[in-house]
């Protein structure tokens, strides 16, 4: 009878240790899961910041290119306008010189 009681006592102790180990493992699982979620959130936030940085950088580069093209176009138009005005003045000068000769 004592042997049987001893076996039952050991089984109860083992059962209690198993419950404690299970509870400890479940708690560790919850901690690891919480850490993984926090890390995933941090990664998503980093990705959002990086994507916004890339968008801003791309917009800035594109705007700089637009400004460069506009500036070049304005310079070209100004040069062409000056050339046309010069050519017109030359033609008008030539016409004014040849006009009296026709009369």
N, C-alpha and C. Protein backbone atom coordinates (compact mmCIF):
# COMPACT_ATOMS: atom_id res chain seq x y z
N UNK A 1 0.81 -1.18 0.00
CA UNK A 1 0.00 0.00 0.00
C UNK A 1 0.87 1.26 0.00
N UNK A 2 1.95 1.23 0.79
CA UNK A 2 2.86 2.37 0.82
C UNK A 2 3.50 2.58 -0.55
N UNK A 3 3.86 1.50 -1.22
CA UNK A 3 4.45 1.62 -2.55
C UNK A 3 3.47 2.26 -3.52
N UNK A 4 2.24 1.86 -3.40
CA UNK A 4 1.21 2.39 -4.28
C UNK A 4 1.01 3.88 -3.99
N UNK A 5 1.00 4.27 -2.74
CA UNK A 5 0.86 5.68 -2.37
C UNK A 5 2.06 6.48 -2.87
N UNK A 6 3.24 5.88 -2.78
CA UNK A 6 4.45 6.54 -3.26
C UNK A 6 4.38 6.75 -4.77
N UNK A 7 3.91 5.78 -5.50
CA UNK A 7 3.75 5.89 -6.96
C UNK A 7 2.76 7.00 -7.30
N UNK A 8 1.67 7.04 -6.59
CA UNK A 8 0.64 8.06 -6.83
C UNK A 8 1.20 9.44 -6.51
N UNK A 9 1.94 9.54 -5.39
CA UNK A 9 2.54 10.82 -5.00
C UNK A 9 3.52 11.29 -6.08
N UNK A 10 4.36 10.39 -6.60
CA UNK A 10 5.32 10.75 -7.65
C UNK A 10 4.59 11.17 -8.93
N UNK A 11 3.54 10.46 -9.25
CA UNK A 11 2.77 10.81 -10.44
C UNK A 11 2.13 12.20 -10.29
N UNK A 12 1.65 12.49 -9.11
CA UNK A 12 1.06 13.82 -8.85
C UNK A 12 2.14 14.91 -8.97
N UNK A 13 3.32 14.63 -8.41
CA UNK A 13 4.42 15.59 -8.50
C UNK A 13 4.82 15.80 -9.96
N UNK A 14 4.93 14.70 -10.71
CA UNK A 14 5.28 14.80 -12.13
C UNK A 14 4.21 15.55 -12.91
N UNK A 15 2.97 15.29 -12.55
CA UNK A 15 1.86 15.99 -13.19
C UNK A 15 1.94 17.49 -12.90
N UNK A 16 2.25 17.84 -11.66
CA UNK A 16 2.37 19.24 -11.27
C UNK A 16 3.53 19.90 -12.02
N UNK A 17 4.68 19.22 -12.11
CA UNK A 17 5.83 19.75 -12.85
C UNK A 17 5.48 19.94 -14.33
N UNK A 18 4.76 18.97 -14.88
CA UNK A 18 4.35 19.08 -16.28
C UNK A 18 3.44 20.29 -16.50
N UNK A 19 2.51 20.53 -15.55
CA UNK A 19 1.63 21.70 -15.65
C UNK A 19 2.44 22.98 -15.58
N UNK A 20 3.42 23.02 -14.68
CA UNK A 20 4.26 24.21 -14.54
C UNK A 20 5.10 24.44 -15.80
N UNK A 21 5.63 23.35 -16.35
CA UNK A 21 6.41 23.47 -17.58
C UNK A 21 5.53 23.94 -18.75
N UNK A 22 4.31 23.41 -18.79
CA UNK A 22 3.37 23.83 -19.83
C UNK A 22 3.04 25.31 -19.69
N UNK A 23 2.78 25.74 -18.46
CA UNK A 23 2.46 27.15 -18.22
C UNK A 23 3.66 28.02 -18.60
N UNK A 24 4.86 27.59 -18.25
CA UNK A 24 6.07 28.33 -18.59
C UNK A 24 6.25 28.39 -20.11
N UNK A 25 6.03 27.27 -20.78
CA UNK A 25 6.16 27.23 -22.24
C UNK A 25 5.13 28.13 -22.89
N UNK A 26 3.90 28.13 -22.38
CA UNK A 26 2.86 28.99 -22.94
C UNK A 26 3.21 30.46 -22.74
N UNK A 27 3.75 30.80 -21.56
CA UNK A 27 4.15 32.18 -21.30
C UNK A 27 5.29 32.59 -22.24
N UNK A 28 6.26 31.72 -22.43
CA UNK A 28 7.36 31.99 -23.35
C UNK A 28 6.84 32.17 -24.77
N UNK A 29 5.87 31.33 -25.16
CA UNK A 29 5.26 31.43 -26.48
C UNK A 29 4.59 32.80 -26.66
N UNK A 30 3.86 33.25 -25.63
CA UNK A 30 3.20 34.56 -25.70
C UNK A 30 4.24 35.69 -25.83
N UNK A 31 5.34 35.57 -25.08
CA UNK A 31 6.38 36.60 -25.15
C UNK A 31 7.01 36.65 -26.54
N UNK A 32 7.35 35.48 -27.06
CA UNK A 32 7.97 35.42 -28.39
C UNK A 32 7.01 35.95 -29.45
N UNK A 33 5.75 35.59 -29.33
CA UNK A 33 4.75 36.07 -30.28
C UNK A 33 4.61 37.59 -30.20
N UNK A 34 4.60 38.14 -28.99
CA UNK A 34 4.50 39.59 -28.82
C UNK A 34 5.73 40.28 -29.41
N UNK A 35 6.91 39.71 -29.19
CA UNK A 35 8.13 40.28 -29.75
C UNK A 35 8.09 40.23 -31.28
N UNK A 36 7.61 39.14 -31.82
CA UNK A 36 7.52 39.00 -33.28
C UNK A 36 6.55 40.03 -33.85
N UNK A 37 5.45 40.23 -33.16
CA UNK A 37 4.47 41.24 -33.63
C UNK A 37 5.08 42.64 -33.57
N UNK A 38 5.78 42.92 -32.48
CA UNK A 38 6.42 44.23 -32.35
C UNK A 38 7.46 44.43 -33.44
N UNK A 39 8.24 43.40 -33.71
CA UNK A 39 9.24 43.49 -34.76
C UNK A 39 8.60 43.67 -36.13
N UNK A 40 7.51 42.96 -36.37
CA UNK A 40 6.80 43.10 -37.65
C UNK A 40 6.27 44.52 -37.81
N UNK A 41 5.74 45.07 -36.73
CA UNK A 41 5.24 46.45 -36.76
C UNK A 41 6.38 47.41 -37.06
N UNK A 42 7.51 47.21 -36.40
CA UNK A 42 8.68 48.07 -36.63
C UNK A 42 9.14 47.98 -38.08
N UNK A 43 9.16 46.78 -38.62
CA UNK A 43 9.58 46.59 -40.01
C UNK A 43 8.62 47.30 -40.96
N UNK A 44 7.30 47.18 -40.68
CA UNK A 44 6.31 47.88 -41.53
C UNK A 44 6.51 49.39 -41.46
N UNK A 45 6.74 49.91 -40.27
CA UNK A 45 6.92 51.35 -40.12
C UNK A 45 8.20 51.81 -40.83
N UNK A 46 9.26 51.02 -40.71
CA UNK A 46 10.49 51.35 -41.42
C UNK A 46 10.26 51.35 -42.93
N UNK A 47 9.52 50.36 -43.40
CA UNK A 47 9.23 50.27 -44.83
C UNK A 47 8.41 51.47 -45.29
N UNK A 48 7.44 51.88 -44.48
CA UNK A 48 6.65 53.06 -44.83
C UNK A 48 7.52 54.31 -44.91
N UNK A 49 8.40 54.47 -43.91
CA UNK A 49 9.28 55.65 -43.92
C UNK A 49 10.22 55.61 -45.12
N UNK A 50 10.76 54.45 -45.41
CA UNK A 50 11.67 54.32 -46.55
C UNK A 50 10.95 54.59 -47.86
N UNK A 51 9.73 54.06 -48.00
CA UNK A 51 8.99 54.29 -49.24
C UNK A 51 8.65 55.77 -49.38
N UNK A 52 8.31 56.43 -48.28
CA UNK A 52 8.02 57.87 -48.35
C UNK A 52 9.27 58.64 -48.71
N UNK A 53 10.42 58.23 -48.17
CA UNK A 53 11.68 58.89 -48.49
C UNK A 53 11.98 58.74 -49.99
N UNK A 54 11.75 57.54 -50.52
CA UNK A 54 12.00 57.30 -51.94
C UNK A 54 11.05 58.14 -52.79
N UNK A 55 9.78 58.20 -52.39
CA UNK A 55 8.80 59.01 -53.12
C UNK A 55 9.22 60.48 -53.12
N UNK A 56 9.60 60.98 -51.94
CA UNK A 56 10.01 62.38 -51.83
C UNK A 56 11.25 62.66 -52.67
N UNK A 57 12.20 61.73 -52.62
CA UNK A 57 13.43 61.90 -53.39
C UNK A 57 13.14 61.88 -54.89
N UNK A 58 12.26 60.98 -55.31
CA UNK A 58 11.90 60.88 -56.72
C UNK A 58 11.18 62.15 -57.18
N UNK A 59 10.26 62.64 -56.35
CA UNK A 59 9.55 63.88 -56.69
C UNK A 59 10.53 65.04 -56.80
N UNK A 60 11.47 65.10 -55.87
CA UNK A 60 12.45 66.17 -55.88
C UNK A 60 13.31 66.11 -57.14
N UNK A 61 13.75 64.91 -57.48
CA UNK A 61 14.56 64.73 -58.69
C UNK A 61 13.76 65.10 -59.93
N UNK A 62 12.51 64.66 -59.97
CA UNK A 62 11.66 64.97 -61.12
C UNK A 62 11.42 66.48 -61.22
N UNK A 63 11.19 67.14 -60.09
CA UNK A 63 10.95 68.58 -60.10
C UNK A 63 12.20 69.32 -60.57
N UNK A 64 13.36 68.86 -60.11
CA UNK A 64 14.61 69.48 -60.55
C UNK A 64 14.78 69.33 -62.06
N UNK A 65 14.43 68.18 -62.58
CA UNK A 65 14.53 67.94 -64.03
C UNK A 65 13.54 68.84 -64.79
N UNK A 66 12.33 68.95 -64.26
CA UNK A 66 11.33 69.84 -64.88
C UNK A 66 11.84 71.27 -64.89
N UNK A 67 12.39 71.71 -63.76
CA UNK A 67 12.92 73.08 -63.68
C UNK A 67 14.06 73.28 -64.66
N UNK A 68 14.94 72.28 -64.78
CA UNK A 68 16.06 72.38 -65.71
C UNK A 68 15.56 72.48 -67.15
N UNK A 69 14.59 71.65 -67.50
CA UNK A 69 14.04 71.66 -68.87
C UNK A 69 13.35 72.99 -69.16
N UNK A 70 12.57 73.48 -68.19
CA UNK A 70 11.90 74.77 -68.38
C UNK A 70 12.91 75.89 -68.57
N UNK A 71 13.94 75.89 -67.76
CA UNK A 71 14.96 76.93 -67.86
C UNK A 71 15.64 76.88 -69.22
N UNK A 72 15.98 75.68 -69.67
CA UNK A 72 16.62 75.54 -70.98
C UNK A 72 15.68 76.00 -72.08
N UNK A 73 14.40 75.66 -71.95
CA UNK A 73 13.42 76.06 -72.97
C UNK A 73 13.28 77.58 -72.99
N UNK A 74 13.24 78.21 -71.81
CA UNK A 74 13.13 79.67 -71.76
C UNK A 74 14.35 80.33 -72.40
N UNK A 75 15.53 79.79 -72.10
CA UNK A 75 16.75 80.35 -72.70
C UNK A 75 16.72 80.20 -74.21
N UNK A 76 16.29 79.05 -74.66
CA UNK A 76 16.22 78.80 -76.10
C UNK A 76 15.21 79.74 -76.76
N UNK A 77 14.03 79.90 -76.12
CA UNK A 77 13.02 80.81 -76.68
C UNK A 77 13.53 82.25 -76.69
N UNK A 78 14.21 82.65 -75.65
CA UNK A 78 14.76 84.01 -75.60
C UNK A 78 15.77 84.21 -76.71
N UNK A 79 16.64 83.23 -76.91
CA UNK A 79 17.64 83.32 -77.99
C UNK A 79 16.97 83.37 -79.35
N UNK A 80 15.96 82.54 -79.55
CA UNK A 80 15.25 82.53 -80.83
C UNK A 80 14.54 83.86 -81.05
N UNK A 81 13.94 84.40 -79.98
CA UNK A 81 13.24 85.69 -80.09
C UNK A 81 14.22 86.79 -80.48
N UNK A 82 15.38 86.80 -79.84
CA UNK A 82 16.40 87.80 -80.18
C UNK A 82 16.84 87.66 -81.63
N UNK A 83 16.99 86.43 -82.06
CA UNK A 83 17.41 86.18 -83.44
C UNK A 83 16.35 86.67 -84.42
N UNK A 84 15.08 86.36 -84.13
CA UNK A 84 13.98 86.80 -85.00
C UNK A 84 13.91 88.31 -85.03
N UNK A 85 14.03 88.95 -83.86
CA UNK A 85 13.98 90.42 -83.81
C UNK A 85 15.14 91.00 -84.61
N UNK A 86 16.32 90.42 -84.48
CA UNK A 86 17.49 90.89 -85.23
C UNK A 86 17.27 90.74 -86.72
N UNK A 87 16.75 89.57 -87.13
CA UNK A 87 16.49 89.34 -88.55
C UNK A 87 15.45 90.32 -89.08
N UNK A 88 14.40 90.57 -88.27
CA UNK A 88 13.37 91.52 -88.70
C UNK A 88 13.94 92.93 -88.84
N UNK A 89 14.78 93.32 -87.91
CA UNK A 89 15.39 94.65 -88.00
C UNK A 89 16.26 94.77 -89.25
N UNK A 90 16.98 93.70 -89.52
CA UNK A 90 17.82 93.71 -90.73
C UNK A 90 16.95 93.83 -91.97
N UNK A 91 15.88 93.03 -92.02
CA UNK A 91 14.98 93.08 -93.19
C UNK A 91 14.33 94.45 -93.31
N UNK A 92 13.89 94.99 -92.19
CA UNK A 92 13.24 96.32 -92.22
C UNK A 92 14.25 97.37 -92.67
N UNK A 93 15.47 97.23 -92.19
CA UNK A 93 16.52 98.18 -92.62
C UNK A 93 16.77 98.07 -94.11
N UNK A 94 16.83 96.85 -94.61
CA UNK A 94 17.05 96.66 -96.04
C UNK A 94 15.87 97.18 -96.85
N UNK A 95 14.66 96.92 -96.34
CA UNK A 95 13.47 97.39 -97.04
C UNK A 95 13.42 98.91 -97.06
N UNK A 96 13.79 99.51 -95.94
CA UNK A 96 13.72 100.99 -95.88
C UNK A 96 14.76 101.63 -96.81
N UNK A 97 15.87 100.93 -97.00
CA UNK A 97 16.89 101.45 -97.93
C UNK A 97 16.46 101.28 -99.38
N UNK A 98 15.77 100.21 -99.67
CA UNK A 98 15.38 99.98 -101.06
C UNK A 98 14.07 100.64 -101.41
N UNK A 99 13.33 101.06 -100.50
CA UNK A 99 12.05 101.70 -100.76
C UNK A 99 12.16 103.01 -101.49
N UNK A 100 12.98 103.90 -101.00
CA UNK A 100 13.08 105.18 -101.73
C UNK A 100 13.59 104.98 -103.17
N UNK A 101 14.36 103.96 -103.39
CA UNK A 101 14.87 103.76 -104.74
C UNK A 101 13.75 103.36 -105.68
N UNK A 102 12.71 102.81 -105.19
CA UNK A 102 11.58 102.42 -106.03
C UNK A 102 10.73 103.62 -106.43
N UNK A 103 10.76 104.65 -105.72
CA UNK A 103 9.87 105.81 -105.99
C UNK A 103 10.43 106.65 -107.01
